[in-house]
C-alpha atoms as a PDB file:
ATOM      1  CA  MET A   1     176.067-102.405-116.702  1.00  0.00           C
ATOM      2  CA  ASN A   2     176.155-103.669-120.254  1.00  0.00           C
ATOM      3  CA  GLN A   3     175.766-101.702-123.469  1.00  0.00           C
ATOM      4  CA  GLU A   4     172.109-102.635-123.896  1.00  0.00           C
ATOM      5  CA  GLN A   5     171.223-101.473-120.361  1.00  0.00           C
ATOM      6  CA  ILE A   6     173.027 -98.168-120.877  1.00  0.00           C
ATOM      7  CA  GLN A   7     171.138 -97.632-124.130  1.00  0.00           C
ATOM      8  CA  SER A   8     167.866 -98.442-122.383  1.00  0.00           C
ATOM      9  CA  VAL A   9     168.525 -95.848-119.666  1.00  0.00           C
ATOM     10  CA  ALA A  10     169.510 -93.305-122.343  1.00  0.00           C
ATOM     11  CA  PHE A  11     166.279 -93.851-124.225  1.00  0.00           C
ATOM     12  CA  GLU A  12     164.256 -93.516-121.012  1.00  0.00           C
ATOM     13  CA  ILE A  13     165.923 -90.166-120.386  1.00  0.00           C
ATOM     14  CA  ILE A  14     165.286 -89.041-123.972  1.00  0.00           C
ATOM     15  CA  LEU A  15     161.664 -90.208-123.848  1.00  0.00           C
ATOM     16  CA  HIS A  16     160.807 -88.374-120.629  1.00  0.00           C
ATOM     17  CA  SER A  17     162.768 -85.226-121.390  1.00  0.00           C
ATOM     18  CA  GLY A  18     161.208 -85.135-124.874  1.00  0.00           C
ATOM     19  CA  SER A  19     157.728 -85.406-123.408  1.00  0.00           C
ATOM     20  CA  SER A  20     158.597 -82.644-120.984  1.00  0.00           C
ATOM     21  CA  ARG A  21     159.890 -80.422-123.770  1.00  0.00           C
ATOM     22  CA  THR A  22     156.641 -80.882-125.715  1.00  0.00           C
ATOM     23  CA  MET A  23     154.619 -79.893-122.641  1.00  0.00           C
ATOM     24  CA  ILE A  24     156.802 -76.827-122.104  1.00  0.00           C
ATOM     25  CA  HIS A  25     156.111 -75.654-125.645  1.00  0.00           C
ATOM     26  CA  GLU A  26     152.398 -76.225-125.058  1.00  0.00           C
ATOM     27  CA  ALA A  27     152.705 -74.053-121.950  1.00  0.00           C
ATOM     28  CA  PHE A  28     154.331 -71.299-124.031  1.00  0.00           C
ATOM     29  CA  ALA A  29     151.295 -71.312-126.341  1.00  0.00           C
ATOM     30  CA  MET A  30     149.002 -71.087-123.321  1.00  0.00           C
ATOM     31  CA  MET A  31     150.990 -68.139-121.974  1.00  0.00           C
ATOM     32  CA  ARG A  32     150.565 -66.310-125.264  1.00  0.00           C
ATOM     33  CA  ASN A  33     146.794 -66.832-124.923  1.00  0.00           C
ATOM     34  CA  ASN A  34     146.772 -65.566-121.310  1.00  0.00           C
ATOM     35  CA  GLU A  35     145.875 -69.048-120.038  1.00  0.00           C
ATOM     36  CA  PHE A  36     148.214 -68.718-117.069  1.00  0.00           C
ATOM     37  CA  LYS A  37     146.682 -71.356-114.790  1.00  0.00           C
ATOM     38  CA  ASN A  38     146.701 -73.901-117.601  1.00  0.00           C
ATOM     39  CA  ALA A  39     150.293 -72.973-118.448  1.00  0.00           C
ATOM     40  CA  ALA A  40     151.361 -73.403-114.819  1.00  0.00           C
ATOM     41  CA  ASP A  41     149.620 -76.782-114.675  1.00  0.00           C
ATOM     42  CA  LYS A  42     151.330 -77.838-117.913  1.00  0.00           C
ATOM     43  CA  LEU A  43     154.723 -76.816-116.504  1.00  0.00           C
ATOM     44  CA  ASP A  44     153.983 -78.933-113.435  1.00  0.00           C
ATOM     45  CA  GLU A  45     153.252 -81.897-115.731  1.00  0.00           C
ATOM     46  CA  ALA A  46     156.478 -81.181-117.596  1.00  0.00           C
ATOM     47  CA  ASN A  47     158.338 -81.262-114.307  1.00  0.00           C
ATOM     48  CA  GLU A  48     156.936 -84.717-113.543  1.00  0.00           C
ATOM     49  CA  GLU A  49     158.461 -85.979-116.801  1.00  0.00           C
ATOM     50  CA  VAL A  50     161.786 -84.330-115.980  1.00  0.00           C
ATOM     51  CA  LEU A  51     161.719 -86.070-112.606  1.00  0.00           C
ATOM     52  CA  LEU A  52     161.193 -89.435-114.298  1.00  0.00           C
ATOM     53  CA  ALA A  53     164.150 -88.767-116.578  1.00  0.00           C
ATOM     54  CA  HIS A  54     166.213 -87.643-113.621  1.00  0.00           C
ATOM     55  CA  GLN A  55     165.367 -90.848-111.735  1.00  0.00           C
ATOM     56  CA  SER A  56     166.789 -92.896-114.597  1.00  0.00           C
ATOM     57  CA  GLN A  57     169.909 -90.760-114.529  1.00  0.00           C
ATOM     58  CA  THR A  58     170.220 -91.061-110.743  1.00  0.00           C
ATOM     59  CA  ALA A  59     170.017 -94.853-110.843  1.00  0.00           C
ATOM     60  CA  LEU A  60     172.913 -94.885-113.282  1.00  0.00           C
ATOM     61  CA  LEU A  61     174.953 -92.515-111.111  1.00  0.00           C
ATOM     62  CA  GLN A  62     174.314 -94.653-108.041  1.00  0.00           C
ATOM     63  CA  GLN A  63     175.634 -97.705-109.821  1.00  0.00           C
ATOM     64  CA  TYR A  64     178.686 -95.770-110.874  1.00  0.00           C
ATOM     65  CA  SER A  65     179.296 -94.451-107.356  1.00  0.00           C
ATOM     66  CA  SER A  66     179.097 -97.989-105.964  1.00  0.00           C
ATOM     67  CA  GLY A  67     182.086 -98.898-108.110  1.00  0.00           C
ATOM     68  CA  GLU A  68     180.404-100.342-111.179  1.00  0.00           C
ATOM     69  CA  THR A  69     182.144 -99.526-114.448  1.00  0.00           C
ATOM     70  CA  ILE A  70     179.899 -97.603-116.806  1.00  0.00           C
ATOM     71  CA  ASN A  71     181.071 -97.385-120.417  1.00  0.00           C
ATOM     72  CA  MET A  72     179.721 -94.135-121.783  1.00  0.00           C
ATOM     73  CA  GLU A  73     177.874 -94.426-125.069  1.00  0.00           C
ATOM     74  CA  ILE A  74     177.276 -91.494-127.448  1.00  0.00           C
ATOM     75  CA  ILE A  75     173.511 -92.015-126.995  1.00  0.00           C
ATOM     76  CA  MET A  76     173.962 -91.387-123.276  1.00  0.00           C
ATOM     77  CA  VAL A  77     175.798 -88.145-124.021  1.00  0.00           C
ATOM     78  CA  HIS A  78     172.894 -87.143-126.242  1.00  0.00           C
ATOM     79  CA  ALA A  79     170.394 -88.118-123.538  1.00  0.00           C
ATOM     80  CA  GLN A  80     172.205 -86.052-120.915  1.00  0.00           C
ATOM     81  CA  ASP A  81     172.307 -83.072-123.255  1.00  0.00           C
ATOM     82  CA  HIS A  82     168.612 -83.480-124.002  1.00  0.00           C
ATOM     83  CA  LEU A  83     167.740 -83.594-120.309  1.00  0.00           C
ATOM     84  CA  MET A  84     169.844 -80.596-119.328  1.00  0.00           C
ATOM     85  CA  THR A  85     168.495 -78.390-122.131  1.00  0.00           C
ATOM     86  CA  THR A  86     164.937 -79.387-121.221  1.00  0.00           C
ATOM     87  CA  MET A  87     165.558 -78.535-117.575  1.00  0.00           C
ATOM     88  CA  THR A  88     166.923 -75.144-118.613  1.00  0.00           C
ATOM     89  CA  LEU A  89     163.990 -74.548-120.958  1.00  0.00           C
ATOM     90  CA  ARG A  90     161.581 -75.256-118.099  1.00  0.00           C
ATOM     91  CA  GLU A  91     163.351 -72.736-115.870  1.00  0.00           C
ATOM     92  CA  VAL A  92     163.061 -70.128-118.637  1.00  0.00           C
ATOM     93  CA  ALA A  93     159.372 -71.008-119.097  1.00  0.00           C
ATOM     94  CA  LEU A  94     158.688 -70.463-115.397  1.00  0.00           C
ATOM     95  CA  GLU A  95     160.303 -67.044-115.594  1.00  0.00           C
ATOM     96  CA  MET A  96     158.352 -66.207-118.743  1.00  0.00           C
ATOM     97  CA  LEU A  97     155.104 -67.262-117.062  1.00  0.00           C
ATOM     98  CA  TYR A  98     155.847 -64.842-114.258  1.00  0.00           C
ATOM     99  CA  LEU A  99     156.555 -62.051-116.766  1.00  0.00           C
ATOM    100  CA  TYR A 100     153.444 -62.773-118.845  1.00  0.00           C
ATOM    101  CA  GLU A 101     151.312 -62.662-115.701  1.00  0.00           C
ATOM    102  CA  LYS A 102     152.971 -59.428-114.553  1.00  0.00           C
ATOM    103  CA  LEU A 103     152.401 -57.767-117.930  1.00  0.00           C
ATOM    104  CA  ASP A 104     148.757 -58.858-117.906  1.00  0.00           C
ATOM    105  CA  LYS A 105     148.208 -57.395-114.427  1.00  0.00           C
ATOM    106  CA  ASP A 106     149.899 -54.118-115.390  1.00  0.00           C
ATOM    107  CA  LYS A 107     147.485 -53.522-118.294  1.00  0.00           C
END
């Protein structure tokens, strides 16, 4: 895989994880407004974007595991960091949705 292809994969990961992160923050706003169904739907949409980013990552890992040399670029390190923090943020958002719903029911 050449440098241009690695950069392309990195930007795909950044694009999809960035879209996911935006949706997660929209879901947080919905939670604050007690729009729990909408927030859950938005988190599902965010997950679809994470899956697209993960697919790009997986394709790269499959090439590596088949013996292809992959020269790591700093943009790929950034992309991986972006994806992992977005995945963690989504997990936190799911937990917060549960807590917001629980607090609303306990009123």
